[in-house]
Amino acid sequence: MGRAFEFRKERKMKRWAAMSKIFARLNKDIILAIKEGGGIADPDTNARLRAVLQNCKAANMPKDNIERAIKKATDKDTSDYKEVTFEGYGPHGIAVYVETATDNNNRTVANVRSHFNRGGGQLGTTGSVEFMFNRMCFFNVADNGMDVDDLTLELIDFGAEEVEKDDEANQFIVSAPFESFGALQTKLEGDGMEIVESGLERVPTTTKALSPEQVEEVEALIEKLEGDDDVQAVYHTMEPSVG
């Protein structure tokens, strides 16, 4: 399996277990999609919102939650969330990249710095670790019986770099540079393929293997970061422990 697949599988298994946290993140994703889409709450004309709503469906997010988030996003009195990233190092030289969505940058900066310090790491400056990650997009597509090689040929001209079959989920996993998100979304939807989930992610270009004890130390920091209400995603350069 490809590197992107392994890291995605690890995050899914280890760090997205709490439904309430997933819903909170998706709630912010809906607000960001509508705010950045000029206040457009129609998924037919707001591609980012359409992708977020697909993810909400995949996570079994209740319809009432989705409707409340959309209403909140279109309310002029709602505070604007901004996407802010942080970079640093965890224990044993593991690079860590943190994506947040916040309506109070001072609070978020203080909290993230505290998590790094207490977790045996150090918050760095912008650009200090970003170069260690490739920014990618992914699509989990329902298996339509197509051969994986044939699907790869169909999608390669639209930017796809990897197309893998997840037999357990009965899905194809399509990975590509993040710039190809729009072209692939249009192609898959135009071909009538069911996009179960999609999004952007950062995949490390190199990884570092640690001992079980060292892994625990790094995971403790990652768990603290991911438990923060403002944090949307955490990426790292530690070798995945899930095969």
Foldseek 3Di string as FASTA:
>chain_A
DDLVVLVVVLCVVPPCPDLVLVLLLLLLQLLQQCVVVVNDNDCVPRVSNVQSVLVCVLSVPDPVSNVVSNVLSNDPPRQAWDWDKWWWAAPPGKTKIFIFTDSDVVVVVVQLQVLQVVLRIGTDDPPPCLVQWAKKKKWWWAAPPDDQVVVCVQCVVLFWDDWDADVVVNTIMTMGHPVSVVSNVCSCVVVVIDGNHMDMDIGGPAADEDDPVRVVSRVSSVNSSSVDSGTNDMDIRHDRPGD
